[in-house]
Amino acid sequence: MEQRLYHGDVSLEAPQSVDGRPLMDTIGSGEDIEETLIEKDYMEILHKKLDDFKKQLNGRECFIFDNRIMAEDPLTLEKIGDRFNISRERVRQILATISRNLAISLESSELRPSM
């Protein structure tokens, strides 16, 4: 107990003498670093594959892909149809084709959507 009292308190934000980084930066967060790196690599590969897939689409398909499939707040079929002067059903058909081709593209590259 005397040893503990003798050394005093240590600030987690105080720089270490070795490299100047705060002690807090060297303490583990409890997360699996290897799994985090694997997830990061997977996401980078997935984004690359999605960008490559998007290059194959024409302007209308690209708009539907961005604003219906990839959007957090997707546009309605009606709004997309109004933009391109086509019916909601035609937008749905284009959407189905894009989705099918995307699944094939990801499957062939051994990336499968987690739906």
PDB file of N, CA and C in Angstrom:
ATOM      1  N   MET A   1       0.819  -1.184   0.000  1.00  0.00           N
ATOM      2  CA  MET A   1       0.000   0.000   0.000  1.00  0.00           C
ATOM      3  C   MET A   1       0.869   1.257   0.000  1.00  0.00           C
ATOM      4  N   GLU A   2       1.983   1.207   0.721  1.00  0.00           N
ATOM      5  CA  GLU A   2       2.868   2.364   0.764  1.00  0.00           C
ATOM      6  C   GLU A   2       3.421   2.678  -0.629  1.00  0.00           C
ATOM      7  N   GLN A   3       3.718   1.630  -1.409  1.00  0.00           N
ATOM      8  CA  GLN A   3       4.221   1.850  -2.766  1.00  0.00           C
ATOM      9  C   GLN A   3       3.186   2.597  -3.602  1.00  0.00           C
ATOM     10  N   ARG A   4       1.938   2.183  -3.503  1.00  0.00           N
ATOM     11  CA  ARG A   4       0.878   2.830  -4.275  1.00  0.00           C
ATOM     12  C   ARG A   4       0.738   4.298  -3.884  1.00  0.00           C
ATOM     13  N   LEU A   5       0.770   4.563  -2.610  1.00  0.00           N
ATOM     14  CA  LEU A   5       0.638   5.930  -2.142  1.00  0.00           C
ATOM     15  C   LEU A   5       1.857   6.768  -2.523  1.00  0.00           C
ATOM     16  N   TYR A   6       3.013   6.176  -2.540  1.00  0.00           N
ATOM     17  CA  TYR A   6       4.267   6.877  -2.833  1.00  0.00           C
ATOM     18  C   TYR A   6       4.313   7.382  -4.283  1.00  0.00           C
ATOM     19  N   HIS A   7       3.780   6.553  -5.227  1.00  0.00           N
ATOM     20  CA  HIS A   7       3.851   6.905  -6.641  1.00  0.00           C
ATOM     21  C   HIS A   7       2.851   7.982  -7.038  1.00  0.00           C
ATOM     22  N   GLY A   8       1.821   8.194  -6.311  1.00  0.00           N
ATOM     23  CA  GLY A   8       0.853   9.252  -6.607  1.00  0.00           C
ATOM     24  C   GLY A   8      -0.042   8.907  -7.782  1.00  0.00           C
ATOM     25  N   ASP A   9      -0.816   9.900  -8.198  1.00  0.00           N
ATOM     26  CA  ASP A   9      -1.760   9.716  -9.303  1.00  0.00           C
ATOM     27  C   ASP A   9      -1.068   9.917 -10.646  1.00  0.00           C
ATOM     28  N   VAL A  10      -1.616   9.250 -11.657  1.00  0.00           N
ATOM     29  CA  VAL A  10      -1.102   9.389 -13.016  1.00  0.00           C
ATOM     30  C   VAL A  10      -2.250   9.859 -13.893  1.00  0.00           C
ATOM     31  N   SER A  11      -2.037  10.911 -14.623  1.00  0.00           N
ATOM     32  CA  SER A  11      -3.050  11.426 -15.535  1.00  0.00           C
ATOM     33  C   SER A  11      -3.044  10.601 -16.816  1.00  0.00           C
ATOM     34  N   LEU A  12      -4.227  10.237 -17.273  1.00  0.00           N
ATOM     35  CA  LEU A  12      -4.329   9.491 -18.529  1.00  0.00           C
ATOM     36  C   LEU A  12      -4.040  10.384 -19.738  1.00  0.00           C
ATOM     37  N   GLU A  13      -4.111  11.686 -19.546  1.00  0.00           N
ATOM     38  CA  GLU A  13      -3.867  12.605 -20.647  1.00  0.00           C
ATOM     39  C   GLU A  13      -2.444  13.165 -20.647  1.00  0.00           C
ATOM     40  N   ALA A  14      -1.665  12.804 -19.629  1.00  0.00           N
ATOM     41  CA  ALA A  14      -0.279  13.275 -19.566  1.00  0.00           C
ATOM     42  C   ALA A  14       0.551  12.551 -20.614  1.00  0.00           C
ATOM     43  N   PRO A  15       1.419  13.271 -21.346  1.00  0.00           N
ATOM     44  CA  PRO A  15       2.244  12.613 -22.361  1.00  0.00           C
ATOM     45  C   PRO A  15       3.266  11.676 -21.723  1.00  0.00           C
ATOM     46  N   GLN A  16       3.509  10.560 -22.416  1.00  0.00           N
ATOM     47  CA  GLN A  16       4.528   9.624 -21.962  1.00  0.00           C
ATOM     48  C   GLN A  16       5.891  10.146 -22.401  1.00  0.00           C
ATOM     49  N   SER A  17       6.903   9.756 -21.685  1.00  0.00           N
ATOM     50  CA  SER A  17       8.241  10.233 -22.036  1.00  0.00           C
ATOM     51  C   SER A  17       8.781   9.573 -23.297  1.00  0.00           C
ATOM     52  N   VAL A  18       8.292   8.374 -23.628  1.00  0.00           N
ATOM     53  CA  VAL A  18       8.837   7.625 -24.755  1.00  0.00           C
ATOM     54  C   VAL A  18       8.498   8.267 -26.096  1.00  0.00           C
ATOM     55  N   ASP A  19       7.199   8.453 -26.365  1.00  0.00           N
ATOM     56  CA  ASP A  19       6.813   8.973 -27.678  1.00  0.00           C
ATOM     57  C   ASP A  19       5.926  10.210 -27.615  1.00  0.00           C
ATOM     58  N   GLY A  20       5.645  10.688 -26.425  1.00  0.00           N
ATOM     59  CA  GLY A  20       4.862  11.903 -26.292  1.00  0.00           C
ATOM     60  C   GLY A  20       3.357  11.710 -26.395  1.00  0.00           C
ATOM     61  N   ARG A  21       2.908  10.484 -26.699  1.00  0.00           N
ATOM     62  CA  ARG A  21       1.475  10.204 -26.783  1.00  0.00           C
ATOM     63  C   ARG A  21       0.902  10.092 -25.379  1.00  0.00           C
ATOM     64  N   PRO A  22      -0.367  10.498 -25.194  1.00  0.00           N
ATOM     65  CA  PRO A  22      -1.000  10.333 -23.884  1.00  0.00           C
ATOM     66  C   PRO A  22      -1.150   8.860 -23.523  1.00  0.00           C
ATOM     67  N   LEU A  23      -1.123   8.579 -22.236  1.00  0.00           N
ATOM     68  CA  LEU A  23      -1.275   7.208 -21.756  1.00  0.00           C
ATOM     69  C   LEU A  23      -2.581   6.594 -22.233  1.00  0.00           C
ATOM     70  N   MET A  24      -3.617   7.414 -22.330  1.00  0.00           N
ATOM     71  CA  MET A  24      -4.929   6.914 -22.748  1.00  0.00           C
ATOM     72  C   MET A  24      -4.870   6.279 -24.139  1.00  0.00           C
ATOM     73  N   ASP A  25      -4.012   6.801 -25.019  1.00  0.00           N
ATOM     74  CA  ASP A  25      -3.895   6.260 -26.372  1.00  0.00           C
ATOM     75  C   ASP A  25      -3.292   4.859 -26.396  1.00  0.00           C
ATOM     76  N   THR A  26      -2.608   4.480 -25.339  1.00  0.00           N
ATOM     77  CA  THR A  26      -1.961   3.169 -25.314  1.00  0.00           C
ATOM     78  C   THR A  26      -2.808   2.110 -24.613  1.00  0.00           C
ATOM     79  N   ILE A  27      -3.888   2.519 -23.979  1.00  0.00           N
ATOM     80  CA  ILE A  27      -4.750   1.567 -23.270  1.00  0.00           C
ATOM     81  C   ILE A  27      -5.721   0.963 -24.267  1.00  0.00           C
ATOM     82  N   GLY A  28      -5.862  -0.340 -24.228  1.00  0.00           N
ATOM     83  CA  GLY A  28      -6.763  -1.039 -25.142  1.00  0.00           C
ATOM     84  C   GLY A  28      -8.211  -0.668 -24.889  1.00  0.00           C
ATOM     85  N   SER A  29      -9.008  -0.679 -25.943  1.00  0.00           N
ATOM     86  CA  SER A  29     -10.416  -0.309 -25.821  1.00  0.00           C
ATOM     87  C   SER A  29     -11.310  -1.517 -25.622  1.00  0.00           C
ATOM     88  N   GLY A  30     -10.727  -2.708 -25.607  1.00  0.00           N
ATOM     89  CA  GLY A  30     -11.538  -3.907 -25.437  1.00  0.00           C
ATOM     90  C   GLY A  30     -12.060  -4.470 -26.750  1.00  0.00           C
ATOM     91  N   GLU A  31     -11.868  -3.762 -27.848  1.00  0.00           N
ATOM     92  CA  GLU A  31     -12.325  -4.264 -29.133  1.00  0.00           C
ATOM     93  C   GLU A  31     -11.240  -5.124 -29.764  1.00  0.00           C
ATOM     94  N   ASP A  32     -11.654  -6.014 -30.614  1.00  0.00           N
ATOM     95  CA  ASP A  32     -10.726  -6.901 -31.296  1.00  0.00           C
ATOM     96  C   ASP A  32     -10.126  -6.148 -32.489  1.00  0.00           C
ATOM     97  N   ILE A  33      -8.867  -5.770 -32.387  1.00  0.00           N
ATOM     98  CA  ILE A  33      -8.199  -4.982 -33.426  1.00  0.00           C
ATOM     99  C   ILE A  33      -8.188  -5.727 -34.756  1.00  0.00           C
ATOM    100  N   GLU A  34      -7.912  -7.017 -34.712  1.00  0.00           N
ATOM    101  CA  GLU A  34      -7.865  -7.800 -35.948  1.00  0.00           C
ATOM    102  C   GLU A  34      -9.219  -7.788 -36.645  1.00  0.00           C
ATOM    103  N   GLU A  35     -10.280  -7.965 -35.883  1.00  0.00           N
ATOM    104  CA  GLU A  35     -11.615  -7.961 -36.473  1.00  0.00           C
ATOM    105  C   GLU A  35     -11.956  -6.572 -37.027  1.00  0.00           C
ATOM    106  N   THR A  36     -11.547  -5.533 -36.328  1.00  0.00           N
ATOM    107  CA  THR A  36     -11.785  -4.175 -36.790  1.00  0.00           C
ATOM    108  C   THR A  36     -11.075  -3.922 -38.112  1.00  0.00           C
ATOM    109  N   LEU A  37      -9.832  -4.376 -38.227  1.00  0.00           N
ATOM    110  CA  LEU A  37      -9.078  -4.202 -39.471  1.00  0.00           C
ATOM    111  C   LEU A  37      -9.686  -5.002 -40.618  1.00  0.00           C
ATOM    112  N   ILE A  38     -10.138  -6.206 -40.320  1.00  0.00           N
ATOM    113  CA  ILE A  38     -10.782  -7.034 -41.345  1.00  0.00           C
ATOM    114  C   ILE A  38     -12.046  -6.350 -41.840  1.00  0.00           C
ATOM    115  N   GLU A  39     -12.838  -5.814 -40.915  1.00  0.00           N
ATOM    116  CA  GLU A  39     -14.067  -5.107 -41.280  1.00  0.00           C
ATOM    117  C   GLU A  39     -13.751  -3.874 -42.125  1.00  0.00           C
ATOM    118  N   LYS A  40     -12.720  -3.135 -41.755  1.00  0.00           N
ATOM    119  CA  LYS A  40     -12.317  -1.942 -42.503  1.00  0.00           C
ATOM    120  C   LYS A  40     -11.885  -2.324 -43.917  1.00  0.00           C
ATOM    121  N   ASP A  41     -11.081  -3.390 -44.037  1.00  0.00           N
ATOM    122  CA  ASP A  41     -10.646  -3.853 -45.364  1.00  0.00           C
ATOM    123  C   ASP A  41     -11.838  -4.305 -46.200  1.00  0.00           C
ATOM    124  N   TYR A  42     -12.765  -5.022 -45.576  1.00  0.00           N
ATOM    125  CA  TYR A  42     -13.954  -5.498 -46.277  1.00  0.00           C
ATOM    126  C   TYR A  42     -14.759  -4.314 -46.812  1.00  0.00           C
ATOM    127  N   MET A  43     -14.936  -3.284 -45.977  1.00  0.00           N
ATOM    128  CA  MET A  43     -15.716  -2.121 -46.400  1.00  0.00           C
ATOM    129  C   MET A  43     -15.029  -1.380 -47.547  1.00  0.00           C
ATOM    130  N   GLU A  44     -13.698  -1.290 -47.510  1.00  0.00           N
ATOM    131  CA  GLU A  44     -12.967  -0.648 -48.604  1.00  0.00           C
ATOM    132  C   GLU A  44     -13.147  -1.423 -49.909  1.00  0.00           C
ATOM    133  N   ILE A  45     -13.062  -2.739 -49.824  1.00  0.00           N
ATOM    134  CA  ILE A  45     -13.249  -3.585 -51.015  1.00  0.00           C
ATOM    135  C   ILE A  45     -14.674  -3.455 -51.530  1.00  0.00           C
ATOM    136  N   LEU A  46     -15.637  -3.471 -50.615  1.00  0.00           N
ATOM    137  CA  LEU A  46     -17.046  -3.350 -51.006  1.00  0.00           C
ATOM    138  C   LEU A  46     -17.295  -2.022 -51.708  1.00  0.00           C
ATOM    139  N   HIS A  47     -16.780  -0.924 -51.164  1.00  0.00           N
ATOM    140  CA  HIS A  47     -16.968   0.384 -51.801  1.00  0.00           C
ATOM    141  C   HIS A  47     -16.316   0.421 -53.177  1.00  0.00           C
ATOM    142  N   LYS A  48     -15.175  -0.205 -53.323  1.00  0.00           N
ATOM    143  CA  LYS A  48     -14.510  -0.273 -54.628  1.00  0.00           C
ATOM    144  C   LYS A  48     -15.370  -1.049 -55.631  1.00  0.00           C
ATOM    145  N   LYS A  49     -15.918  -2.192 -55.179  1.00  0.00           N
ATOM    146  CA  LYS A  49     -16.780  -3.004 -56.057  1.00  0.00           C
ATOM    147  C   LYS A  49     -18.036  -2.230 -56.440  1.00  0.00           C
ATOM    148  N   LEU A  50     -18.610  -1.485 -55.484  1.00  0.00           N
ATOM    149  CA  LEU A  50     -19.808  -0.700 -55.788  1.00  0.00           C
ATOM    150  C   LEU A  50     -19.485   0.412 -56.782  1.00  0.00           C
ATOM    151  N   ASP A  51     -18.336   1.052 -56.631  1.00  0.00           N
ATOM    152  CA  ASP A  51     -17.923   2.086 -57.584  1.00  0.00           C
ATOM    153  C   ASP A  51     -17.714   1.495 -58.972  1.00  0.00           C
ATOM    154  N   ASP A  52     -17.086   0.321 -59.043  1.00  0.00           N
ATOM    155  CA  ASP A  52     -16.882  -0.350 -60.330  1.00  0.00           C
ATOM    156  C   ASP A  52     -18.219  -0.717 -60.967  1.00  0.00           C
ATOM    157  N   PHE A  53     -19.156  -1.214 -60.147  1.00  0.00           N
ATOM    158  CA  PHE A  53     -20.479  -1.577 -60.657  1.00  0.00           C
ATOM    159  C   PHE A  53     -21.197  -0.336 -61.185  1.00  0.00           C
ATOM    160  N   LYS A  54     -21.092   0.752 -60.448  1.00  0.00           N
ATOM    161  CA  LYS A  54     -21.781   1.982 -60.823  1.00  0.00           C
ATOM    162  C   LYS A  54     -21.296   2.518 -62.175  1.00  0.00           C
ATOM    163  N   LYS A  55     -20.043   2.270 -62.510  1.00  0.00           N
ATOM    164  CA  LYS A  55     -19.488   2.721 -63.785  1.00  0.00           C
ATOM    165  C   LYS A  55     -20.162   2.030 -64.970  1.00  0.00           C
ATOM    166  N   GLN A  56     -20.790   0.881 -64.740  1.00  0.00           N
ATOM    167  CA  GLN A  56     -21.461   0.127 -65.798  1.00  0.00           C
ATOM    168  C   GLN A  56     -22.861   0.659 -66.083  1.00  0.00           C
ATOM    169  N   LEU A  57     -23.376   1.511 -65.215  1.00  0.00           N
ATOM    170  CA  LEU A  57     -24.756   1.984 -65.330  1.00  0.00           C
ATOM    171  C   LEU A  57     -24.845   3.236 -66.189  1.00  0.00           C
ATOM    172  N   ASN A  58     -26.001   3.384 -66.875  1.00  0.00           N
ATOM    173  CA  ASN A  58     -26.235   4.633 -67.602  1.00  0.00           C
ATOM    174  C   ASN A  58     -26.731   5.690 -66.615  1.00  0.00           C
ATOM    175  N   GLY A  59     -26.972   6.899 -67.087  1.00  0.00           N
ATOM    176  CA  GLY A  59     -27.342   8.009 -66.213  1.00  0.00           C
ATOM    177  C   GLY A  59     -28.589   7.752 -65.386  1.00  0.00           C
ATOM    178  N   ARG A  60     -29.632   7.236 -66.014  1.00  0.00           N
ATOM    179  CA  ARG A  60     -30.889   6.970 -65.310  1.00  0.00           C
ATOM    180  C   ARG A  60     -30.697   5.872 -64.276  1.00  0.00           C
ATOM    181  N   GLU A  61     -30.013   4.804 -64.659  1.00  0.00           N
ATOM    182  CA  GLU A  61     -29.756   3.700 -63.725  1.00  0.00           C
ATOM    183  C   GLU A  61     -28.888   4.169 -62.552  1.00  0.00           C
ATOM    184  N   CYS A  62     -27.914   5.000 -62.851  1.00  0.00           N
ATOM    185  CA  CYS A  62     -27.030   5.528 -61.816  1.00  0.00           C
ATOM    186  C   CYS A  62     -27.827   6.375 -60.821  1.00  0.00           C
ATOM    187  N   PHE A  63     -28.744   7.191 -61.324  1.00  0.00           N
ATOM    188  CA  PHE A  63     -29.587   8.004 -60.454  1.00  0.00           C
ATOM    189  C   PHE A  63     -30.444   7.108 -59.556  1.00  0.00           C
ATOM    190  N   ILE A  64     -31.039   6.076 -60.125  1.00  0.00           N
ATOM    191  CA  ILE A  64     -31.873   5.151 -59.352  1.00  0.00           C
ATOM    192  C   ILE A  64     -31.022   4.421 -58.320  1.00  0.00           C
ATOM    193  N   PHE A  65     -29.835   3.995 -58.708  1.00  0.00           N
ATOM    194  CA  PHE A  65     -28.927   3.309 -57.789  1.00  0.00           C
ATOM    195  C   PHE A  65     -28.594   4.214 -56.598  1.00  0.00           C
ATOM    196  N   ASP A  66     -28.217   5.454 -56.877  1.00  0.00           N
ATOM    197  CA  ASP A  66     -27.827   6.382 -55.812  1.00  0.00           C
ATOM    198  C   ASP A  66     -29.005   6.803 -54.933  1.00  0.00           C
ATOM    199  N   ASN A  67     -30.154   7.074 -55.562  1.00  0.00           N
ATOM    200  CA  ASN A  67     -31.262   7.679 -54.835  1.00  0.00           C
ATOM    201  C   ASN A  67     -32.330   6.704 -54.362  1.00  0.00           C
ATOM    202  N   ARG A  68     -32.211   5.452 -54.719  1.00  0.00           N
ATOM    203  CA  ARG A  68     -33.181   4.454 -54.259  1.00  0.00           C
ATOM    204  C   ARG A  68     -32.487   3.326 -53.500  1.00  0.00           C
ATOM    205  N   ILE A  69     -31.423   2.769 -54.065  1.00  0.00           N
ATOM    206  CA  ILE A  69     -30.744   1.628 -53.444  1.00  0.00           C
ATOM    207  C   ILE A  69     -29.782   2.080 -52.349  1.00  0.00           C
ATOM    208  N   MET A  70     -28.950   3.068 -52.641  1.00  0.00           N
ATOM    209  CA  MET A  70     -27.888   3.458 -51.713  1.00  0.00           C
ATOM    210  C   MET A  70     -28.282   4.571 -50.743  1.00  0.00           C
ATOM    211  N   ALA A  71     -29.393   5.234 -50.980  1.00  0.00           N
ATOM    212  CA  ALA A  71     -29.785   6.386 -50.165  1.00  0.00           C
ATOM    213  C   ALA A  71     -30.328   5.956 -48.805  1.00  0.00           C
ATOM    214  N   GLU A  72     -29.980   6.738 -47.776  1.00  0.00           N
ATOM    215  CA  GLU A  72     -30.541   6.501 -46.450  1.00  0.00           C
ATOM    216  C   GLU A  72     -32.025   6.837 -46.442  1.00  0.00           C
ATOM    217  N   ASP A  73     -32.396   7.856 -47.184  1.00  0.00           N
ATOM    218  CA  ASP A  73     -33.794   8.254 -47.313  1.00  0.00           C
ATOM    219  C   ASP A  73     -34.156   8.165 -48.800  1.00  0.00           C
ATOM    220  N   PRO A  74     -34.493   6.950 -49.275  1.00  0.00           N
ATOM    221  CA  PRO A  74     -34.686   6.752 -50.715  1.00  0.00           C
ATOM    222  C   PRO A  74     -35.885   7.514 -51.274  1.00  0.00           C
ATOM    223  N   LEU A  75     -35.731   7.956 -52.519  1.00  0.00           N
ATOM    224  CA  LEU A  75     -36.837   8.591 -53.221  1.00  0.00           C
ATOM    225  C   LEU A  75     -37.898   7.543 -53.536  1.00  0.00           C
ATOM    226  N   THR A  76     -39.128   7.995 -53.655  1.00  0.00           N
ATOM    227  CA  THR A  76     -40.205   7.077 -54.014  1.00  0.00           C
ATOM    228  C   THR A  76     -40.113   6.738 -55.503  1.00  0.00           C
ATOM    229  N   LEU A  77     -40.741   5.633 -55.868  1.00  0.00           N
ATOM    230  CA  LEU A  77     -40.785   5.251 -57.282  1.00  0.00           C
ATOM    231  C   LEU A  77     -41.468   6.350 -58.097  1.00  0.00           C
ATOM    232  N   GLU A  78     -42.470   6.967 -57.510  1.00  0.00           N
ATOM    233  CA  GLU A  78     -43.204   8.025 -58.204  1.00  0.00           C
ATOM    234  C   GLU A  78     -42.305   9.241 -58.467  1.00  0.00           C
ATOM    235  N   LYS A  79     -41.533   9.664 -57.481  1.00  0.00           N
ATOM    236  CA  LYS A  79     -40.650  10.819 -57.684  1.00  0.00           C
ATOM    237  C   LYS A  79     -39.589  10.537 -58.733  1.00  0.00           C
ATOM    238  N   ILE A  80     -39.052   9.326 -58.716  1.00  0.00           N
ATOM    239  CA  ILE A  80     -38.051   8.961 -59.731  1.00  0.00           C
ATOM    240  C   ILE A  80     -38.709   8.912 -61.104  1.00  0.00           C
ATOM    241  N   GLY A  81     -39.903   8.327 -61.163  1.00  0.00           N
ATOM    242  CA  GLY A  81     -40.640   8.266 -62.430  1.00  0.00           C
ATOM    243  C   GLY A  81     -40.938   9.638 -62.991  1.00  0.00           C
ATOM    244  N   ASP A  82     -41.355  10.552 -62.114  1.00  0.00           N
ATOM    245  CA  ASP A  82     -41.645  11.922 -62.560  1.00  0.00           C
ATOM    246  C   ASP A  82     -40.393  12.593 -63.120  1.00  0.00           C
ATOM    247  N   ARG A  83     -39.251  12.335 -62.488  1.00  0.00           N
ATOM    248  CA  ARG A  83     -38.001  12.954 -62.947  1.00  0.00           C
ATOM    249  C   ARG A  83     -37.648  12.514 -64.369  1.00  0.00           C
ATOM    250  N   PHE A  84     -37.902  11.231 -64.679  1.00  0.00           N
ATOM    251  CA  PHE A  84     -37.525  10.701 -65.995  1.00  0.00           C
ATOM    252  C   PHE A  84     -38.719  10.513 -66.927  1.00  0.00           C
ATOM    253  N   ASN A  85     -39.893  10.973 -66.477  1.00  0.00           N
ATOM    254  CA  ASN A  85     -41.114  10.869 -67.267  1.00  0.00           C
ATOM    255  C   ASN A  85     -41.422   9.422 -67.652  1.00  0.00           C
ATOM    256  N   ILE A  86     -41.307   8.540 -66.655  1.00  0.00           N
ATOM    257  CA  ILE A  86     -41.653   7.132 -66.834  1.00  0.00           C
ATOM    258  C   ILE A  86     -42.567   6.715 -65.680  1.00  0.00           C
ATOM    259  N   SER A  87     -43.210   5.563 -65.831  1.00  0.00           N
ATOM    260  CA  SER A  87     -44.141   5.107 -64.798  1.00  0.00           C
ATOM    261  C   SER A  87     -43.404   4.526 -63.596  1.00  0.00           C
ATOM    262  N   ARG A  88     -44.130   4.429 -62.484  1.00  0.00           N
ATOM    263  CA  ARG A  88     -43.559   3.796 -61.288  1.00  0.00           C
ATOM    264  C   ARG A  88     -43.189   2.345 -61.576  1.00  0.00           C
ATOM    265  N   GLU A  89     -44.017   1.686 -62.369  1.00  0.00           N
ATOM    266  CA  GLU A  89     -43.752   0.285 -62.710  1.00  0.00           C
ATOM    267  C   GLU A  89     -42.455   0.159 -63.502  1.00  0.00           C
ATOM    268  N   ARG A  90     -42.206   1.080 -64.408  1.00  0.00           N
ATOM    269  CA  ARG A  90     -40.955   1.033 -65.182  1.00  0.00           C
ATOM    270  C   ARG A  90     -39.753   1.276 -64.267  1.00  0.00           C
ATOM    271  N   VAL A  91     -39.900   2.183 -63.310  1.00  0.00           N
ATOM    272  CA  VAL A  91     -38.829   2.427 -62.345  1.00  0.00           C
ATOM    273  C   VAL A  91     -38.579   1.152 -61.548  1.00  0.00           C
ATOM    274  N   ARG A  92     -39.663   0.480 -61.130  1.00  0.00           N
ATOM    275  CA  ARG A  92     -39.523  -0.767 -60.370  1.00  0.00           C
ATOM    276  C   ARG A  92     -38.798  -1.827 -61.192  1.00  0.00           C
ATOM    277  N   GLN A  93     -39.099  -1.909 -62.480  1.00  0.00           N
ATOM    278  CA  GLN A  93     -38.444  -2.879 -63.358  1.00  0.00           C
ATOM    279  C   GLN A  93     -36.943  -2.572 -63.478  1.00  0.00           C
ATOM    280  N   ILE A  94     -36.624  -1.305 -63.660  1.00  0.00           N
ATOM    281  CA  ILE A  94     -35.210  -0.907 -63.750  1.00  0.00           C
ATOM    282  C   ILE A  94     -34.507  -1.208 -62.433  1.00  0.00           C
ATOM    283  N   LEU A  95     -35.166  -0.908 -61.347  1.00  0.00           N
ATOM    284  CA  LEU A  95     -34.621  -1.176 -60.018  1.00  0.00           C
ATOM    285  C   LEU A  95     -34.352  -2.669 -59.818  1.00  0.00           C
ATOM    286  N   ALA A  96     -35.290  -3.506 -60.268  1.00  0.00           N
ATOM    287  CA  ALA A  96     -35.118  -4.959 -60.154  1.00  0.00           C
ATOM    288  C   ALA A  96     -33.919  -5.435 -60.978  1.00  0.00           C
ATOM    289  N   THR A  97     -33.754  -4.877 -62.162  1.00  0.00           N
ATOM    290  CA  THR A  97     -32.617  -5.241 -63.020  1.00  0.00           C
ATOM    291  C   THR A  97     -31.299  -4.825 -62.376  1.00  0.00           C
ATOM    292  N   ILE A  98     -31.267  -3.602 -61.857  1.00  0.00           N
ATOM    293  CA  ILE A  98     -30.048  -3.127 -61.193  1.00  0.00           C
ATOM    294  C   ILE A  98     -29.722  -4.016 -60.002  1.00  0.00           C
ATOM    295  N   SER A  99     -30.719  -4.316 -59.187  1.00  0.00           N
ATOM    296  CA  SER A  99     -30.505  -5.143 -57.992  1.00  0.00           C
ATOM    297  C   SER A  99     -30.002  -6.535 -58.353  1.00  0.00           C
ATOM    298  N   ARG A 100     -30.585  -7.128 -59.383  1.00  0.00           N
ATOM    299  CA  ARG A 100     -30.168  -8.456 -59.831  1.00  0.00           C
ATOM    300  C   ARG A 100     -28.729  -8.423 -60.336  1.00  0.00           C
ATOM    301  N   ASN A 101     -28.395  -7.427 -61.146  1.00  0.00           N
ATOM    302  CA  ASN A 101     -27.035  -7.306 -61.667  1.00  0.00           C
ATOM    303  C   ASN A 101     -26.027  -7.021 -60.559  1.00  0.00           C
ATOM    304  N   LEU A 102     -26.424  -6.237 -59.571  1.00  0.00           N
ATOM    305  CA  LEU A 102     -25.551  -5.954 -58.437  1.00  0.00           C
ATOM    306  C   LEU A 102     -25.266  -7.228 -57.648  1.00  0.00           C
ATOM    307  N   ALA A 103     -26.306  -8.015 -57.402  1.00  0.00           N
ATOM    308  CA  ALA A 103     -26.123  -9.275 -56.670  1.00  0.00           C
ATOM    309  C   ALA A 103     -25.186 -10.208 -57.425  1.00  0.00           C
ATOM    310  N   ILE A 104     -25.352 -10.288 -58.740  1.00  0.00           N
ATOM    311  CA  ILE A 104     -24.483 -11.129 -59.565  1.00  0.00           C
ATOM    312  C   ILE A 104     -23.049 -10.625 -59.504  1.00  0.00           C
ATOM    313  N   SER A 105     -22.889  -9.320 -59.600  1.00  0.00           N
ATOM    314  CA  SER A 105     -21.558  -8.725 -59.563  1.00  0.00           C
ATOM    315  C   SER A 105     -20.860  -8.987 -58.227  1.00  0.00           C
ATOM    316  N   LEU A 106     -21.577  -8.815 -57.136  1.00  0.00           N
ATOM    317  CA  LEU A 106     -20.982  -9.050 -55.817  1.00  0.00           C
ATOM    318  C   LEU A 106     -20.723 -10.533 -55.575  1.00  0.00           C
ATOM    319  N   GLU A 107     -21.612 -11.367 -56.072  1.00  0.00           N
ATOM    320  CA  GLU A 107     -21.443 -12.813 -55.898  1.00  0.00           C
ATOM    321  C   GLU A 107     -20.232 -13.306 -56.670  1.00  0.00           C
ATOM    322  N   SER A 108     -20.036 -12.785 -57.866  1.00  0.00           N
ATOM    323  CA  SER A 108     -18.898 -13.221 -58.676  1.00  0.00           C
ATOM    324  C   SER A 108     -17.574 -12.751 -58.066  1.00  0.00           C
ATOM    325  N   SER A 109     -17.630 -11.696 -57.263  1.00  0.00           N
ATOM    326  CA  SER A 109     -16.404 -11.227 -56.623  1.00  0.00           C
ATOM    327  C   SER A 109     -16.297 -11.732 -55.196  1.00  0.00           C
ATOM    328  N   GLU A 110     -17.111 -12.695 -54.848  1.00  0.00           N
ATOM    329  CA  GLU A 110     -17.137 -13.315 -53.536  1.00  0.00           C
ATOM    330  C   GLU A 110     -17.511 -12.358 -52.429  1.00  0.00           C
ATOM    331  N   LEU A 111     -18.214 -11.306 -52.774  1.00  0.00           N
ATOM    332  CA  LEU A 111     -18.824 -10.414 -51.794  1.00  0.00           C
ATOM    333  C   LEU A 111     -20.313 -10.608 -51.903  1.00  0.00           C
ATOM    334  N   ARG A 112     -20.923 -10.993 -50.835  1.00  0.00           N
ATOM    335  CA  ARG A 112     -22.359 -11.228 -50.842  1.00  0.00           C
ATOM    336  C   ARG A 112     -23.031 -10.224 -49.923  1.00  0.00           C
ATOM    337  N   PRO A 113     -24.149  -9.656 -50.376  1.00  0.00           N
ATOM    338  CA  PRO A 113     -24.846  -8.710 -49.517  1.00  0.00           C
ATOM    339  C   PRO A 113     -25.371  -9.410 -48.266  1.00  0.00           C
ATOM    340  N   SER A 114     -25.321  -8.728 -47.132  1.00  0.00           N
ATOM    341  CA  SER A 114     -25.781  -9.335 -45.870  1.00  0.00           C
ATOM    342  C   SER A 114     -27.213  -8.910 -45.598  1.00  0.00           C
ATOM    343  N   MET A 115     -28.130  -9.318 -46.476  1.00  0.00           N
ATOM    344  CA  MET A 115     -29.548  -8.969 -46.314  1.00  0.00           C
ATOM    345  C   MET A 115     -30.299 -10.144 -45.763  1.00  0.00           C
TER     346      MET A 115
END
